[in-house]
Amino acid sequence: MVSAFSDDEPGPLAVAVGVAVAVTLLWALAIVFQRSGRDDVERATGLGPGKIVFASDREDDLDIYSMNTDGSGVLRLTNSRSVDSSPSWSPDGTKVAFESDRDGNLEIYVMNADGTQPTRLTDHASGDGYAKWSPDGSKIAFASFRDGNFEIYVMDADGKNQTRLTRDAASDVSPAFSPDGGKIAFTSLRGDNYDIWVMNADGGNPVRLTEDPLEDQLPVWSPDGSRIAFQSTRGQAGNRFDVWTMSADGNDERQVTRTRSDATAPTWSQDGTKLVFSSNQAGGSKLFVVNLDGTGLARITGGSGYGDYAPDWQRDPAQALATTTTTTRPPAPPPPRRRR
């Protein structure tokens, strides 16, 4: 994942000192894209419908872009002298939530799918980030340091009724709603390292899904809700991230990528058969697609001198409507910033 919550300099994780640096640390989460890679991966074709939003520093500042699933039709959605990152499609594909420090402090914004009418949703002295929509589009979950600790919050899609969901001494970040809206998966430091947890959409009944001595982070649900993809260092002895999946109850863990470089921030294709992720294996961070069994690795974006990060594949509105109307339950890291 890339977020504006990231270190200015490349290298190992920084030690958090004070609230501002602590905010930086949590969204960095040891994602280092400066390692060398290779450029011999085929370009992706025929990936199906929908759009992919992502963050990129291809125009120097980190901004939000959209494109077709094969990498064509790139459209710049934000253009500010600030950090804009962590984009997230609304379920109907008409809006994009993102985080930005354009007003002097990292906050959550929402804009139309073409980048028009950016609107600020949060306004707090502590950073708010990593926004994710509920499947019916009525809510947005996010993480904030506003109460002196990283916790998960939820608000209405217009920014009203901001409510704290988690209450733990450990850091809780990167929330993601299940497709039926009944659950939220998230990353937590409640053990000795970051693991994946899940709770009810109202914050109740938190359950730990992974328990590994290495890092498991950034959960995201498959379209049918049966599996969760995440990034983990367990297959690389803690040295690099790979993309993994597991069943929604935490069983049947499977390693998807086996690269010589970091593979991070996965997002599912609309049909649930593929994963898009960020990796520096082509020389600088770019976006790749892979089948769930690790075959069919292909590059979506290319070019040198810049990085592409934090993809989110537009959901199928028809499928989202079907999952939210049939349920009986209530709806409920990253590149350095360039120095100038």
C-alpha atoms as a PDB file:
ATOM      1  CA  MET A   1       0.000   0.000   0.000  1.00  0.00           C
ATOM      2  CA  VAL A   2       1.066   3.547  -0.484  1.00  0.00           C
ATOM      3  CA  SER A   3      -0.293   6.325   1.576  1.00  0.00           C
ATOM      4  CA  ALA A   4       0.647   9.842   2.434  1.00  0.00           C
ATOM      5  CA  PHE A   5       1.488   8.306   5.794  1.00  0.00           C
ATOM      6  CA  SER A   6       4.991   7.390   4.614  1.00  0.00           C
ATOM      7  CA  ASP A   7       8.620   8.231   5.246  1.00  0.00           C
ATOM      8  CA  ASP A   8      10.453  10.962   3.341  1.00  0.00           C
ATOM      9  CA  GLU A   9      13.538   8.813   2.898  1.00  0.00           C
ATOM     10  CA  PRO A  10      13.724   5.244   1.503  1.00  0.00           C
ATOM     11  CA  GLY A  11      14.997   2.524   3.794  1.00  0.00           C
ATOM     12  CA  PRO A  12      13.888   0.542   6.859  1.00  0.00           C
ATOM     13  CA  LEU A  13      10.969   1.537   9.017  1.00  0.00           C
ATOM     14  CA  ALA A  14      11.513   4.712  10.967  1.00  0.00           C
ATOM     15  CA  VAL A  15      10.939   4.891  14.712  1.00  0.00           C
ATOM     16  CA  ALA A  16       7.829   6.910  15.499  1.00  0.00           C
ATOM     17  CA  VAL A  17       8.431   9.998  17.599  1.00  0.00           C
ATOM     18  CA  GLY A  18       5.281  11.940  18.458  1.00  0.00           C
ATOM     19  CA  VAL A  19       1.930  11.792  16.785  1.00  0.00           C
ATOM     20  CA  ALA A  20       2.990  13.099  13.367  1.00  0.00           C
ATOM     21  CA  VAL A  21       5.800  10.587  12.970  1.00  0.00           C
ATOM     22  CA  ALA A  22       3.644   7.795  14.384  1.00  0.00           C
ATOM     23  CA  VAL A  23       1.076   8.507  11.678  1.00  0.00           C
ATOM     24  CA  THR A  24       3.860   8.325   9.106  1.00  0.00           C
ATOM     25  CA  LEU A  25       5.097   4.998  10.453  1.00  0.00           C
ATOM     26  CA  LEU A  26       1.804   3.148  10.424  1.00  0.00           C
ATOM     27  CA  TRP A  27       1.169   3.656   6.745  1.00  0.00           C
ATOM     28  CA  ALA A  28       4.776   3.015   5.751  1.00  0.00           C
ATOM     29  CA  LEU A  29       4.647  -0.534   7.225  1.00  0.00           C
ATOM     30  CA  ALA A  30       8.050  -1.481   5.823  1.00  0.00           C
ATOM     31  CA  ILE A  31       7.163  -1.188   2.134  1.00  0.00           C
ATOM     32  CA  VAL A  32      10.408  -0.260   0.373  1.00  0.00           C
ATOM     33  CA  PHE A  33      10.211   0.120  -3.404  1.00  0.00           C
ATOM     34  CA  GLN A  34      13.818   1.126  -4.062  1.00  0.00           C
ATOM     35  CA  ARG A  35      15.235  -2.371  -4.581  1.00  0.00           C
ATOM     36  CA  SER A  36      16.289  -3.176  -8.104  1.00  0.00           C
ATOM     37  CA  GLY A  37      14.001  -5.321 -10.249  1.00  0.00           C
ATOM     38  CA  ARG A  38      13.645  -6.696 -13.764  1.00  0.00           C
ATOM     39  CA  ASP A  39      11.683  -5.567 -16.777  1.00  0.00           C
ATOM     40  CA  ASP A  40      10.973  -8.861 -18.563  1.00  0.00           C
ATOM     41  CA  VAL A  41       7.314  -9.374 -17.559  1.00  0.00           C
ATOM     42  CA  GLU A  42       4.698  -9.414 -20.322  1.00  0.00           C
ATOM     43  CA  ARG A  43       2.105  -6.642 -20.557  1.00  0.00           C
ATOM     44  CA  ALA A  44      -1.428  -7.558 -19.464  1.00  0.00           C
ATOM     45  CA  THR A  45      -4.230  -7.872 -22.008  1.00  0.00           C
ATOM     46  CA  GLY A  46      -7.884  -8.873 -21.926  1.00  0.00           C
ATOM     47  CA  LEU A  47      -8.469  -8.356 -18.206  1.00  0.00           C
ATOM     48  CA  GLY A  48     -12.147  -7.567 -18.502  1.00  0.00           C
ATOM     49  CA  PRO A  49     -14.361  -4.610 -17.587  1.00  0.00           C
ATOM     50  CA  GLY A  50     -14.006  -1.900 -15.016  1.00  0.00           C
ATOM     51  CA  LYS A  51     -11.403   0.722 -14.199  1.00  0.00           C
ATOM     52  CA  ILE A  52      -8.420   0.711 -11.856  1.00  0.00           C
ATOM     53  CA  VAL A  53      -7.597   3.723  -9.709  1.00  0.00           C
ATOM     54  CA  PHE A  54      -4.109   4.087  -8.286  1.00  0.00           C
ATOM     55  CA  ALA A  55      -1.616   6.565  -6.866  1.00  0.00           C
ATOM     56  CA  SER A  56       1.404   7.618  -8.892  1.00  0.00           C
ATOM     57  CA  ASP A  57       4.241  10.119  -8.691  1.00  0.00           C
ATOM     58  CA  ARG A  58       4.698  10.148 -12.471  1.00  0.00           C
ATOM     59  CA  GLU A  59       4.141  13.923 -12.458  1.00  0.00           C
ATOM     60  CA  ASP A  60       6.453  14.428  -9.447  1.00  0.00           C
ATOM     61  CA  ASP A  61       3.776  14.799  -6.766  1.00  0.00           C
ATOM     62  CA  LEU A  62       1.769  11.785  -5.626  1.00  0.00           C
ATOM     63  CA  ASP A  63      -1.636  12.024  -7.334  1.00  0.00           C
ATOM     64  CA  ILE A  64      -4.623   9.795  -8.136  1.00  0.00           C
ATOM     65  CA  TYR A  65      -5.102   8.321 -11.619  1.00  0.00           C
ATOM     66  CA  SER A  66      -7.568   5.944 -13.282  1.00  0.00           C
ATOM     67  CA  MET A  67      -7.096   3.650 -16.270  1.00  0.00           C
ATOM     68  CA  ASN A  68      -8.556   0.690 -18.104  1.00  0.00           C
ATOM     69  CA  THR A  69      -7.653  -2.721 -16.730  1.00  0.00           C
ATOM     70  CA  ASP A  70      -5.015  -3.246 -19.447  1.00  0.00           C
ATOM     71  CA  GLY A  71      -3.252   0.003 -18.558  1.00  0.00           C
ATOM     72  CA  SER A  72      -4.674   2.096 -21.405  1.00  0.00           C
ATOM     73  CA  GLY A  73      -6.698   5.277 -21.092  1.00  0.00           C
ATOM     74  CA  VAL A  74      -4.794   6.762 -18.151  1.00  0.00           C
ATOM     75  CA  LEU A  75      -6.589   9.786 -16.696  1.00  0.00           C
ATOM     76  CA  ARG A  76      -5.159  12.054 -14.007  1.00  0.00           C
ATOM     77  CA  LEU A  77      -7.845  12.694 -11.398  1.00  0.00           C
ATOM     78  CA  THR A  78      -6.033  14.981  -8.937  1.00  0.00           C
ATOM     79  CA  ASN A  79      -3.465  17.679  -9.587  1.00  0.00           C
ATOM     80  CA  SER A  80      -2.324  19.365  -6.403  1.00  0.00           C
ATOM     81  CA  ARG A  81       1.050  20.232  -4.925  1.00  0.00           C
ATOM     82  CA  SER A  82       0.415  17.747  -2.144  1.00  0.00           C
ATOM     83  CA  VAL A  83       0.197  14.037  -1.453  1.00  0.00           C
ATOM     84  CA  ASP A  84      -2.987  12.361  -2.739  1.00  0.00           C
ATOM     85  CA  SER A  85      -3.105   8.616  -2.202  1.00  0.00           C
ATOM     86  CA  SER A  86      -4.973   5.440  -1.168  1.00  0.00           C
ATOM     87  CA  PRO A  87      -7.870   5.733  -3.661  1.00  0.00           C
ATOM     88  CA  SER A  88     -10.991   3.613  -3.169  1.00  0.00           C
ATOM     89  CA  TRP A  89     -13.895   3.161  -5.609  1.00  0.00           C
ATOM     90  CA  SER A  90     -17.440   3.639  -4.426  1.00  0.00           C
ATOM     91  CA  PRO A  91     -19.536   0.497  -5.064  1.00  0.00           C
ATOM     92  CA  ASP A  92     -21.405   2.105  -7.977  1.00  0.00           C
ATOM     93  CA  GLY A  93     -18.180   3.361  -9.561  1.00  0.00           C
ATOM     94  CA  THR A  94     -19.240   7.003  -9.611  1.00  0.00           C
ATOM     95  CA  LYS A  95     -16.941   8.301  -6.847  1.00  0.00           C
ATOM     96  CA  VAL A  96     -13.448   7.802  -5.442  1.00  0.00           C
ATOM     97  CA  ALA A  97     -12.452   8.305  -1.809  1.00  0.00           C
ATOM     98  CA  PHE A  98      -8.819   9.181  -1.121  1.00  0.00           C
ATOM     99  CA  GLU A  99      -6.528  10.782   1.435  1.00  0.00           C
ATOM    100  CA  SER A 100      -4.717  14.081   0.954  1.00  0.00           C
ATOM    101  CA  ASP A 101      -2.675  16.624   2.891  1.00  0.00           C
ATOM    102  CA  ARG A 102      -3.657  19.450   0.525  1.00  0.00           C
ATOM    103  CA  ASP A 103      -5.161  21.473   3.382  1.00  0.00           C
ATOM    104  CA  GLY A 104      -2.126  21.068   5.639  1.00  0.00           C
ATOM    105  CA  ASN A 105      -3.143  17.880   7.392  1.00  0.00           C
ATOM    106  CA  LEU A 106      -3.902  14.410   6.087  1.00  0.00           C
ATOM    107  CA  GLU A 107      -7.682  14.057   5.687  1.00  0.00           C
ATOM    108  CA  ILE A 108     -10.185  11.977   3.737  1.00  0.00           C
ATOM    109  CA  TYR A 109     -11.777  13.382   0.580  1.00  0.00           C
ATOM    110  CA  VAL A 110     -14.206  12.105  -2.003  1.00  0.00           C
ATOM    111  CA  MET A 111     -14.472  13.137  -5.676  1.00  0.00           C
ATOM    112  CA  ASN A 112     -16.363  12.155  -8.787  1.00  0.00           C
ATOM    113  CA  ALA A 113     -14.891   9.362 -10.906  1.00  0.00           C
ATOM    114  CA  ASP A 114     -13.558  11.955 -13.378  1.00  0.00           C
ATOM    115  CA  GLY A 115     -11.772  13.887 -10.608  1.00  0.00           C
ATOM    116  CA  THR A 116     -14.268  16.745 -10.364  1.00  0.00           C
ATOM    117  CA  GLN A 117     -15.801  18.148  -7.181  1.00  0.00           C
ATOM    118  CA  PRO A 118     -13.283  16.969  -4.552  1.00  0.00           C
ATOM    119  CA  THR A 119     -14.934  17.301  -1.134  1.00  0.00           C
ATOM    120  CA  ARG A 120     -13.282  17.081   2.263  1.00  0.00           C
ATOM    121  CA  LEU A 121     -15.008  14.624   4.639  1.00  0.00           C
ATOM    122  CA  THR A 122     -12.821  14.704   7.771  1.00  0.00           C
ATOM    123  CA  ASP A 123     -11.300  17.668   9.585  1.00  0.00           C
ATOM    124  CA  HIS A 124      -9.121  16.771  12.566  1.00  0.00           C
ATOM    125  CA  ALA A 125      -5.722  17.770  13.912  1.00  0.00           C
ATOM    126  CA  SER A 126      -4.604  14.127  13.774  1.00  0.00           C
ATOM    127  CA  GLY A 127      -4.285  12.298  10.494  1.00  0.00           C
ATOM    128  CA  ASP A 128      -7.209  10.395   8.953  1.00  0.00           C
ATOM    129  CA  GLY A 129      -6.576   7.948   6.149  1.00  0.00           C
ATOM    130  CA  TYR A 130      -7.110   4.704   4.307  1.00  0.00           C
ATOM    131  CA  ALA A 131     -10.787   5.116   3.520  1.00  0.00           C
ATOM    132  CA  LYS A 132     -12.843   2.114   2.339  1.00  0.00           C
ATOM    133  CA  TRP A 133     -16.515   2.121   1.317  1.00  0.00           C
ATOM    134  CA  SER A 134     -19.230  -0.117   2.662  1.00  0.00           C
ATOM    135  CA  PRO A 135     -20.729  -2.324  -0.097  1.00  0.00           C
ATOM    136  CA  ASP A 136     -23.945  -0.287  -0.251  1.00  0.00           C
ATOM    137  CA  GLY A 137     -22.023   2.997  -0.466  1.00  0.00           C
ATOM    138  CA  SER A 138     -23.639   4.506   2.615  1.00  0.00           C
ATOM    139  CA  LYS A 139     -20.584   4.330   4.912  1.00  0.00           C
ATOM    140  CA  ILE A 140     -16.828   4.832   4.771  1.00  0.00           C
ATOM    141  CA  ALA A 141     -14.483   3.116   7.213  1.00  0.00           C
ATOM    142  CA  PHE A 142     -11.118   4.728   7.949  1.00  0.00           C
ATOM    143  CA  ALA A 143      -8.249   4.818  10.444  1.00  0.00           C
ATOM    144  CA  SER A 144      -7.331   7.765  12.659  1.00  0.00           C
ATOM    145  CA  PHE A 145      -4.948   8.766  15.441  1.00  0.00           C
ATOM    146  CA  ARG A 146      -7.417  11.325  16.807  1.00  0.00           C
ATOM    147  CA  ASP A 147      -7.845   9.623  20.197  1.00  0.00           C
ATOM    148  CA  GLY A 148      -4.123   9.135  20.799  1.00  0.00           C
ATOM    149  CA  ASN A 149      -3.956   5.707  19.212  1.00  0.00           C
ATOM    150  CA  PHE A 150      -4.618   4.273  15.778  1.00  0.00           C
ATOM    151  CA  GLU A 151      -8.213   3.052  15.728  1.00  0.00           C
ATOM    152  CA  ILE A 152     -10.842   2.155  13.161  1.00  0.00           C
ATOM    153  CA  TYR A 153     -13.724   4.578  12.625  1.00  0.00           C
ATOM    154  CA  VAL A 154     -16.759   4.709  10.377  1.00  0.00           C
ATOM    155  CA  MET A 155     -18.728   7.652   9.011  1.00  0.00           C
ATOM    156  CA  ASP A 156     -21.587   8.329   6.645  1.00  0.00           C
ATOM    157  CA  ALA A 157     -20.560   8.771   3.017  1.00  0.00           C
ATOM    158  CA  ASP A 158     -20.982  12.541   3.419  1.00  0.00           C
ATOM    159  CA  GLY A 159     -18.629  12.656   6.419  1.00  0.00           C
ATOM    160  CA  LYS A 160     -21.306  12.874   9.104  1.00  0.00           C
ATOM    161  CA  ASN A 161     -21.660  10.679  12.209  1.00  0.00           C
ATOM    162  CA  GLN A 162     -17.985   9.774  12.608  1.00  0.00           C
ATOM    163  CA  THR A 163     -17.923   6.869  15.081  1.00  0.00           C
ATOM    164  CA  ARG A 164     -15.056   4.972  16.683  1.00  0.00           C
ATOM    165  CA  LEU A 165     -15.292   1.170  16.260  1.00  0.00           C
ATOM    166  CA  THR A 166     -12.146  -0.257  17.902  1.00  0.00           C
ATOM    167  CA  ARG A 167     -10.873   0.437  21.391  1.00  0.00           C
ATOM    168  CA  ASP A 168      -7.567  -1.248  22.033  1.00  0.00           C
ATOM    169  CA  ALA A 169      -4.153  -0.127  23.260  1.00  0.00           C
ATOM    170  CA  ALA A 170      -2.608  -1.557  20.085  1.00  0.00           C
ATOM    171  CA  SER A 171      -2.757   0.065  16.661  1.00  0.00           C
ATOM    172  CA  ASP A 172      -5.673  -0.872  14.391  1.00  0.00           C
ATOM    173  CA  VAL A 173      -5.489   0.268  10.749  1.00  0.00           C
ATOM    174  CA  SER A 174      -6.512  -0.507   7.130  1.00  0.00           C
ATOM    175  CA  PRO A 175     -10.198  -1.490   7.473  1.00  0.00           C
ATOM    176  CA  ALA A 176     -12.080  -3.309   4.694  1.00  0.00           C
ATOM    177  CA  PHE A 177     -15.790  -4.131   4.592  1.00  0.00           C
ATOM    178  CA  SER A 178     -16.925  -7.636   3.650  1.00  0.00           C
ATOM    179  CA  PRO A 179     -19.105  -7.778   0.497  1.00  0.00           C
ATOM    180  CA  ASP A 180     -22.286  -8.291   2.552  1.00  0.00           C
ATOM    181  CA  GLY A 181     -21.436  -5.373   4.852  1.00  0.00           C
ATOM    182  CA  GLY A 182     -21.582  -7.477   8.006  1.00  0.00           C
ATOM    183  CA  LYS A 183     -17.849  -7.623   8.792  1.00  0.00           C
ATOM    184  CA  ILE A 184     -14.744  -5.436   8.699  1.00  0.00           C
ATOM    185  CA  ALA A 185     -11.289  -6.949   8.294  1.00  0.00           C
ATOM    186  CA  PHE A 186      -8.360  -4.863   9.509  1.00  0.00           C
ATOM    187  CA  THR A 187      -4.656  -4.888  10.413  1.00  0.00           C
ATOM    188  CA  SER A 188      -3.773  -4.863  14.101  1.00  0.00           C
ATOM    189  CA  LEU A 189      -0.677  -4.822  16.298  1.00  0.00           C
ATOM    190  CA  ARG A 190      -2.473  -6.521  19.192  1.00  0.00           C
ATOM    191  CA  GLY A 191       0.140  -9.300  19.187  1.00  0.00           C
ATOM    192  CA  ASP A 192       3.898  -9.108  18.721  1.00  0.00           C
ATOM    193  CA  ASN A 193       3.544  -8.106  15.078  1.00  0.00           C
ATOM    194  CA  TYR A 194       0.905  -7.014  12.573  1.00  0.00           C
ATOM    195  CA  ASP A 195      -1.805  -9.599  11.918  1.00  0.00           C
ATOM    196  CA  ILE A 196      -5.184  -9.685  10.194  1.00  0.00           C
ATOM    197  CA  TRP A 197      -8.294  -9.435  12.367  1.00  0.00           C
ATOM    198  CA  VAL A 198     -12.006  -9.307  11.621  1.00  0.00           C
ATOM    199  CA  MET A 199     -14.901  -7.797  13.578  1.00  0.00           C
ATOM    200  CA  ASN A 200     -18.578  -7.090  13.171  1.00  0.00           C
ATOM    201  CA  ALA A 201     -19.361  -3.922  11.236  1.00  0.00           C
ATOM    202  CA  ASP A 202     -20.340  -2.214  14.513  1.00  0.00           C
ATOM    203  CA  GLY A 203     -16.933  -3.040  16.060  1.00  0.00           C
ATOM    204  CA  GLY A 204     -18.132  -6.019  18.079  1.00  0.00           C
ATOM    205  CA  ASN A 205     -16.607  -9.489  18.378  1.00  0.00           C
ATOM    206  CA  PRO A 206     -13.031  -8.914  17.119  1.00  0.00           C
ATOM    207  CA  VAL A 207     -11.398 -12.193  16.035  1.00  0.00           C
ATOM    208  CA  ARG A 208      -7.781 -12.784  15.069  1.00  0.00           C
ATOM    209  CA  LEU A 209      -7.437 -14.504  11.667  1.00  0.00           C
ATOM    210  CA  THR A 210      -3.651 -14.766  11.266  1.00  0.00           C
ATOM    211  CA  GLU A 211      -1.006 -15.479  13.864  1.00  0.00           C
ATOM    212  CA  ASP A 212       2.449 -15.579  12.352  1.00  0.00           C
ATOM    213  CA  PRO A 213       5.792 -14.293  13.704  1.00  0.00           C
ATOM    214  CA  LEU A 214       6.139 -12.193  10.524  1.00  0.00           C
ATOM    215  CA  GLU A 215       3.948  -9.418   9.141  1.00  0.00           C
ATOM    216  CA  ASP A 216       0.408  -9.846   7.709  1.00  0.00           C
ATOM    217  CA  GLN A 217      -1.214  -6.608   6.528  1.00  0.00           C
ATOM    218  CA  LEU A 218      -3.787  -4.866   4.296  1.00  0.00           C
ATOM    219  CA  PRO A 219      -6.684  -7.339   4.048  1.00  0.00           C
ATOM    220  CA  VAL A 220      -9.147  -7.114   1.156  1.00  0.00           C
ATOM    221  CA  TRP A 221     -12.171  -9.370   0.569  1.00  0.00           C
ATOM    222  CA  SER A 222     -12.880 -11.320  -2.603  1.00  0.00           C
ATOM    223  CA  PRO A 223     -16.070 -10.232  -4.421  1.00  0.00           C
ATOM    224  CA  ASP A 224     -17.992 -13.267  -3.139  1.00  0.00           C
ATOM    225  CA  GLY A 225     -16.668 -12.861   0.423  1.00  0.00           C
ATOM    226  CA  SER A 226     -15.159 -16.350   0.564  1.00  0.00           C
ATOM    227  CA  ARG A 227     -11.489 -15.309   0.704  1.00  0.00           C
ATOM    228  CA  ILE A 228      -9.272 -12.472   1.914  1.00  0.00           C
ATOM    229  CA  ALA A 229      -6.120 -11.337   0.127  1.00  0.00           C
ATOM    230  CA  PHE A 230      -3.325  -9.668   2.075  1.00  0.00           C
ATOM    231  CA  GLN A 231       0.376  -8.867   1.960  1.00  0.00           C
ATOM    232  CA  SER A 232       2.815 -10.813   4.124  1.00  0.00           C
ATOM    233  CA  THR A 233       6.534 -11.219   4.711  1.00  0.00           C
ATOM    234  CA  ARG A 234       6.161 -14.822   5.893  1.00  0.00           C
ATOM    235  CA  GLY A 235       7.229 -16.332   2.569  1.00  0.00           C
ATOM    236  CA  GLN A 236      10.335 -14.144   2.373  1.00  0.00           C
ATOM    237  CA  ALA A 237      11.699 -14.674   5.898  1.00  0.00           C
ATOM    238  CA  GLY A 238      10.677 -11.129   6.751  1.00  0.00           C
ATOM    239  CA  ASN A 239      12.740  -9.581   3.965  1.00  0.00           C
ATOM    240  CA  ARG A 240      10.037  -8.778   1.401  1.00  0.00           C
ATOM    241  CA  PHE A 241       6.282  -8.793   0.979  1.00  0.00           C
ATOM    242  CA  ASP A 242       4.340 -11.262  -1.132  1.00  0.00           C
ATOM    243  CA  VAL A 243       0.618 -11.482  -1.828  1.00  0.00           C
ATOM    244  CA  TRP A 244      -1.287 -14.249  -0.023  1.00  0.00           C
ATOM    245  CA  THR A 245      -4.908 -15.323   0.271  1.00  0.00           C
ATOM    246  CA  MET A 246      -6.844 -17.210   2.935  1.00  0.00           C
ATOM    247  CA  SER A 247     -10.406 -18.294   3.512  1.00  0.00           C
ATOM    248  CA  ALA A 248     -12.640 -15.782   5.278  1.00  0.00           C
ATOM    249  CA  ASP A 249     -12.230 -17.703   8.561  1.00  0.00           C
ATOM    250  CA  GLY A 250      -8.407 -17.524   8.410  1.00  0.00           C
ATOM    251  CA  ASN A 251      -7.822 -21.083   7.181  1.00  0.00           C
ATOM    252  CA  ASP A 252      -6.379 -22.340   3.898  1.00  0.00           C
ATOM    253  CA  GLU A 253      -3.573 -19.775   3.601  1.00  0.00           C
ATOM    254  CA  ARG A 254      -1.983 -19.743   0.155  1.00  0.00           C
ATOM    255  CA  GLN A 255       0.998 -17.823  -1.189  1.00  0.00           C
ATOM    256  CA  VAL A 256       0.177 -16.224  -4.554  1.00  0.00           C
ATOM    257  CA  THR A 257       3.310 -14.317  -5.609  1.00  0.00           C
ATOM    258  CA  ARG A 258       6.896 -15.529  -5.400  1.00  0.00           C
ATOM    259  CA  THR A 259       8.853 -12.593  -6.719  1.00  0.00           C
ATOM    260  CA  ARG A 260      12.349 -11.276  -6.161  1.00  0.00           C
ATOM    261  CA  SER A 261      10.846  -7.958  -5.098  1.00  0.00           C
ATOM    262  CA  ASP A 262       8.051  -6.646  -2.895  1.00  0.00           C
ATOM    263  CA  ALA A 263       4.492  -7.489  -3.969  1.00  0.00           C
ATOM    264  CA  THR A 264       2.041  -5.386  -1.980  1.00  0.00           C
ATOM    265  CA  ALA A 265      -1.435  -3.869  -1.667  1.00  0.00           C
ATOM    266  CA  PRO A 266      -3.521  -6.472  -3.529  1.00  0.00           C
ATOM    267  CA  THR A 267      -6.966  -5.768  -4.968  1.00  0.00           C
ATOM    268  CA  TRP A 268      -9.366  -8.277  -6.566  1.00  0.00           C
ATOM    269  CA  SER A 269     -10.603  -8.318 -10.141  1.00  0.00           C
ATOM    270  CA  GLN A 270     -14.361  -7.995 -10.609  1.00  0.00           C
ATOM    271  CA  ASP A 271     -14.785 -11.731 -11.211  1.00  0.00           C
ATOM    272  CA  GLY A 272     -12.537 -12.730  -8.297  1.00  0.00           C
ATOM    273  CA  THR A 273     -10.143 -14.757 -10.457  1.00  0.00           C
ATOM    274  CA  LYS A 274      -7.184 -12.359 -10.397  1.00  0.00           C
ATOM    275  CA  LEU A 275      -5.307  -9.979  -8.126  1.00  0.00           C
ATOM    276  CA  VAL A 276      -3.698  -6.664  -9.031  1.00  0.00           C
ATOM    277  CA  PHE A 277      -0.831  -5.482  -6.841  1.00  0.00           C
ATOM    278  CA  SER A 278       2.131  -3.100  -6.669  1.00  0.00           C
ATOM    279  CA  SER A 279       5.655  -4.417  -7.208  1.00  0.00           C
ATOM    280  CA  ASN A 280       9.093  -3.068  -8.070  1.00  0.00           C
ATOM    281  CA  GLN A 281      10.124  -6.167 -10.011  1.00  0.00           C
ATOM    282  CA  ALA A 282      10.122  -4.207 -13.286  1.00  0.00           C
ATOM    283  CA  GLY A 283      12.447  -1.475 -12.022  1.00  0.00           C
ATOM    284  CA  GLY A 284      10.507   1.011  -9.917  1.00  0.00           C
ATOM    285  CA  SER A 285       7.071   0.232  -8.531  1.00  0.00           C
ATOM    286  CA  LYS A 286       4.495  -0.687 -11.171  1.00  0.00           C
ATOM    287  CA  LEU A 287       1.135  -2.478 -11.191  1.00  0.00           C
ATOM    288  CA  PHE A 288       0.868  -6.191 -12.014  1.00  0.00           C
ATOM    289  CA  VAL A 289      -1.876  -8.782 -12.318  1.00  0.00           C
ATOM    290  CA  VAL A 290      -1.683 -12.470 -11.404  1.00  0.00           C
ATOM    291  CA  ASN A 291      -4.007 -15.471 -11.239  1.00  0.00           C
ATOM    292  CA  LEU A 292      -4.875 -16.792  -7.790  1.00  0.00           C
ATOM    293  CA  ASP A 293      -2.566 -19.778  -8.256  1.00  0.00           C
ATOM    294  CA  GLY A 294       0.370 -17.502  -9.075  1.00  0.00           C
ATOM    295  CA  THR A 295       0.329 -18.107 -12.830  1.00  0.00           C
ATOM    296  CA  GLY A 296      -0.248 -15.549 -15.545  1.00  0.00           C
ATOM    297  CA  LEU A 297       1.872 -12.779 -14.062  1.00  0.00           C
ATOM    298  CA  ALA A 298       1.620  -9.709 -16.306  1.00  0.00           C
ATOM    299  CA  ARG A 299       2.520  -6.051 -16.061  1.00  0.00           C
ATOM    300  CA  ILE A 300      -0.234  -3.415 -16.358  1.00  0.00           C
ATOM    301  CA  THR A 301       1.797  -0.196 -16.085  1.00  0.00           C
ATOM    302  CA  GLY A 302       5.303   0.560 -17.267  1.00  0.00           C
ATOM    303  CA  GLY A 303       7.784   3.368 -17.663  1.00  0.00           C
ATOM    304  CA  SER A 304      10.793   4.549 -15.719  1.00  0.00           C
ATOM    305  CA  GLY A 305      11.532   7.361 -13.294  1.00  0.00           C
ATOM    306  CA  TYR A 306       8.295   7.090 -11.327  1.00  0.00           C
ATOM    307  CA  GLY A 307       6.191   4.677  -9.310  1.00  0.00           C
ATOM    308  CA  ASP A 308       2.589   3.427  -9.376  1.00  0.00           C
ATOM    309  CA  TYR A 309       1.016   2.254  -6.130  1.00  0.00           C
ATOM    310  CA  ALA A 310      -2.110   1.290  -4.191  1.00  0.00           C
ATOM    311  CA  PRO A 311      -4.458  -0.002  -6.927  1.00  0.00           C
ATOM    312  CA  ASP A 312      -8.192  -0.473  -6.479  1.00  0.00           C
ATOM    313  CA  TRP A 313     -10.200  -2.339  -9.137  1.00  0.00           C
ATOM    314  CA  GLN A 314     -13.652  -0.907  -9.739  1.00  0.00           C
ATOM    315  CA  ARG A 315     -16.346  -3.234  -8.452  1.00  0.00           C
ATOM    316  CA  ASP A 316     -19.166  -4.688 -10.519  1.00  0.00           C
ATOM    317  CA  PRO A 317     -22.201  -2.588  -9.454  1.00  0.00           C
ATOM    318  CA  ALA A 318     -24.635  -5.423 -10.288  1.00  0.00           C
ATOM    319  CA  GLN A 319     -22.739  -7.869  -8.097  1.00  0.00           C
ATOM    320  CA  ALA A 320     -22.429  -5.339  -5.273  1.00  0.00           C
ATOM    321  CA  LEU A 321     -26.173  -4.688  -5.373  1.00  0.00           C
ATOM    322  CA  ALA A 322     -26.911  -8.420  -5.259  1.00  0.00           C
ATOM    323  CA  THR A 323     -24.731  -9.067  -2.204  1.00  0.00           C
ATOM    324  CA  THR A 324     -26.028  -6.112  -0.199  1.00  0.00           C
ATOM    325  CA  THR A 325     -29.712  -6.693  -0.862  1.00  0.00           C
ATOM    326  CA  THR A 326     -29.728 -10.396  -0.033  1.00  0.00           C
ATOM    327  CA  THR A 327     -28.006 -10.174   3.335  1.00  0.00           C
ATOM    328  CA  THR A 328     -29.956  -9.828   6.581  1.00  0.00           C
ATOM    329  CA  ARG A 329     -27.021  -8.278   8.392  1.00  0.00           C
ATOM    330  CA  PRO A 330     -26.734  -4.491   8.702  1.00  0.00           C
ATOM    331  CA  PRO A 331     -24.405  -2.710   6.270  1.00  0.00           C
ATOM    332  CA  ALA A 332     -21.847  -1.706   8.001  1.00  0.00           C
ATOM    333  CA  PRO A 333       3.110   0.415   2.827  1.00  0.00           C
ATOM    334  CA  PRO A 334       4.772   2.543   0.390  1.00  0.00           C
ATOM    335  CA  PRO A 335       6.704   5.045  -1.480  1.00  0.00           C
ATOM    336  CA  PRO A 336       8.802   7.906  -0.062  1.00  0.00           C
ATOM    337  CA  ARG A 337       7.563  11.375  -0.802  1.00  0.00           C
ATOM    338  CA  ARG A 338       9.950  13.096  -3.161  1.00  0.00           C
ATOM    339  CA  ARG A 339      11.998  16.010  -1.904  1.00  0.00           C
ATOM    340  CA  ARG A 340      11.941  19.144  -3.947  1.00  0.00           C
END
